[in-house]
């Protein structure tokens, strides 16, 4: 293995939670998972239309989940302020 360099990255709480979960599931360090994700990332790789649709659906589902969570926090905050 080549020499490794320490890098600091900023991650959302959701990304940190996922990284920790995957680390336990796959018995790999969080750093190794990040290294593997970088190695697997190919932004210029051709994407089929079906794959693109799946990606868009996954992004929309994540957006819906995030918005639903944010709305719940707003309602909780407003309820406790009254």
C-alpha atoms as a PDB file:
ATOM      1  CA  UNK A   1       0.000   0.000   0.000  1.00  0.00           C
ATOM      2  CA  UNK A   2       1.259   3.457  -0.781  1.00  0.00           C
ATOM      3  CA  UNK A   3       1.783   6.138   1.821  1.00  0.00           C
ATOM      4  CA  UNK A   4      -1.467   7.538   3.180  1.00  0.00           C
ATOM      5  CA  UNK A   5      -2.098  11.202   3.931  1.00  0.00           C
ATOM      6  CA  UNK A   6      -4.551  12.387   6.556  1.00  0.00           C
ATOM      7  CA  UNK A   7      -7.338  14.572   5.145  1.00  0.00           C
ATOM      8  CA  UNK A   8     -10.165  16.308   6.962  1.00  0.00           C
ATOM      9  CA  UNK A   9     -13.593  16.152   5.297  1.00  0.00           C
ATOM     10  CA  UNK A  10     -16.937  17.616   6.303  1.00  0.00           C
ATOM     11  CA  UNK A  11     -19.882  15.219   6.411  1.00  0.00           C
ATOM     12  CA  UNK A  12     -23.505  15.668   7.339  1.00  0.00           C
ATOM     13  CA  UNK A  13     -24.800  13.842  10.430  1.00  0.00           C
ATOM     14  CA  UNK A  14     -26.705  11.478   8.100  1.00  0.00           C
ATOM     15  CA  UNK A  15     -23.519  10.664   6.162  1.00  0.00           C
ATOM     16  CA  UNK A  16     -21.630  10.036   9.393  1.00  0.00           C
ATOM     17  CA  UNK A  17     -24.364   7.688  10.608  1.00  0.00           C
ATOM     18  CA  UNK A  18     -24.359   5.779   7.293  1.00  0.00           C
ATOM     19  CA  UNK A  19     -20.582   5.556   7.316  1.00  0.00           C
ATOM     20  CA  UNK A  20     -20.586   4.156  10.866  1.00  0.00           C
ATOM     21  CA  UNK A  21     -23.321   1.644  10.002  1.00  0.00           C
ATOM     22  CA  UNK A  22     -21.518   0.462   6.855  1.00  0.00           C
ATOM     23  CA  UNK A  23     -18.283   0.204   8.814  1.00  0.00           C
ATOM     24  CA  UNK A  24     -19.940  -2.216  11.250  1.00  0.00           C
ATOM     25  CA  UNK A  25     -21.798  -4.151   8.538  1.00  0.00           C
ATOM     26  CA  UNK A  26     -18.782  -4.651   6.288  1.00  0.00           C
ATOM     27  CA  UNK A  27     -16.150  -4.853   9.046  1.00  0.00           C
ATOM     28  CA  UNK A  28     -14.100  -2.097   7.406  1.00  0.00           C
ATOM     29  CA  UNK A  29     -12.775   1.137   8.816  1.00  0.00           C
ATOM     30  CA  UNK A  30     -14.592   4.329   7.900  1.00  0.00           C
ATOM     31  CA  UNK A  31     -11.430   5.522   6.146  1.00  0.00           C
ATOM     32  CA  UNK A  32     -11.307   2.340   4.050  1.00  0.00           C
ATOM     33  CA  UNK A  33     -14.931   2.813   3.015  1.00  0.00           C
ATOM     34  CA  UNK A  34     -14.182   6.389   1.916  1.00  0.00           C
ATOM     35  CA  UNK A  35     -11.117   5.195  -0.036  1.00  0.00           C
ATOM     36  CA  UNK A  36     -13.184   2.520  -1.772  1.00  0.00           C
ATOM     37  CA  UNK A  37     -15.953   4.998  -2.606  1.00  0.00           C
ATOM     38  CA  UNK A  38     -13.416   7.330  -4.200  1.00  0.00           C
ATOM     39  CA  UNK A  39     -11.919   4.450  -6.197  1.00  0.00           C
ATOM     40  CA  UNK A  40     -15.372   3.334  -7.386  1.00  0.00           C
ATOM     41  CA  UNK A  41     -16.560   6.823  -8.366  1.00  0.00           C
ATOM     42  CA  UNK A  42     -16.523   7.281 -12.136  1.00  0.00           C
ATOM     43  CA  UNK A  43     -18.337  10.488 -13.076  1.00  0.00           C
ATOM     44  CA  UNK A  44     -17.546  10.099 -16.787  1.00  0.00           C
ATOM     45  CA  UNK A  45     -18.798   6.516 -17.040  1.00  0.00           C
ATOM     46  CA  UNK A  46     -21.730   6.120 -19.424  1.00  0.00           C
ATOM     47  CA  UNK A  47     -25.019   5.740 -17.572  1.00  0.00           C
ATOM     48  CA  UNK A  48     -27.986   3.905 -19.048  1.00  0.00           C
ATOM     49  CA  UNK A  49     -31.352   5.651 -19.136  1.00  0.00           C
ATOM     50  CA  UNK A  50     -32.758   3.073 -16.720  1.00  0.00           C
ATOM     51  CA  UNK A  51     -29.879   3.628 -14.306  1.00  0.00           C
ATOM     52  CA  UNK A  52     -30.349   7.379 -14.582  1.00  0.00           C
ATOM     53  CA  UNK A  53     -34.058   7.006 -13.760  1.00  0.00           C
ATOM     54  CA  UNK A  54     -33.178   4.916 -10.704  1.00  0.00           C
ATOM     55  CA  UNK A  55     -30.686   7.549  -9.555  1.00  0.00           C
ATOM     56  CA  UNK A  56     -33.253  10.329  -9.952  1.00  0.00           C
ATOM     57  CA  UNK A  57     -35.862   8.293  -8.060  1.00  0.00           C
ATOM     58  CA  UNK A  58     -33.390   7.631  -5.250  1.00  0.00           C
ATOM     59  CA  UNK A  59     -32.497  11.332  -5.042  1.00  0.00           C
ATOM     60  CA  UNK A  60     -36.188  12.309  -4.968  1.00  0.00           C
ATOM     61  CA  UNK A  61     -36.853   9.765  -2.222  1.00  0.00           C
ATOM     62  CA  UNK A  62     -33.966  11.176  -0.183  1.00  0.00           C
ATOM     63  CA  UNK A  63     -35.223  14.719  -0.728  1.00  0.00           C
ATOM     64  CA  UNK A  64     -38.737  13.697   0.373  1.00  0.00           C
ATOM     65  CA  UNK A  65     -37.349  12.032   3.497  1.00  0.00           C
ATOM     66  CA  UNK A  66     -35.245  15.086   4.345  1.00  0.00           C
ATOM     67  CA  UNK A  67     -38.139  17.505   3.799  1.00  0.00           C
ATOM     68  CA  UNK A  68     -40.519  15.350   5.843  1.00  0.00           C
ATOM     69  CA  UNK A  69     -37.991  15.282   8.664  1.00  0.00           C
ATOM     70  CA  UNK A  70     -37.449  19.044   8.473  1.00  0.00           C
ATOM     71  CA  UNK A  71     -41.202  19.707   8.528  1.00  0.00           C
ATOM     72  CA  UNK A  72     -41.583  17.462  11.582  1.00  0.00           C
ATOM     73  CA  UNK A  73     -38.854  19.423  13.373  1.00  0.00           C
ATOM     74  CA  UNK A  74     -40.569  22.705  12.526  1.00  0.00           C
ATOM     75  CA  UNK A  75     -43.921  21.447  13.852  1.00  0.00           C
ATOM     76  CA  UNK A  76     -42.293  20.136  17.024  1.00  0.00           C
ATOM     77  CA  UNK A  77     -40.466  23.408  17.559  1.00  0.00           C
ATOM     78  CA  UNK A  78     -43.605  25.460  16.968  1.00  0.00           C
ATOM     79  CA  UNK A  79     -45.667  23.215  19.287  1.00  0.00           C
ATOM     80  CA  UNK A  80     -43.167  23.485  22.120  1.00  0.00           C
ATOM     81  CA  UNK A  81     -42.936  27.279  21.700  1.00  0.00           C
ATOM     82  CA  UNK A  82     -46.663  27.729  22.358  1.00  0.00           C
END
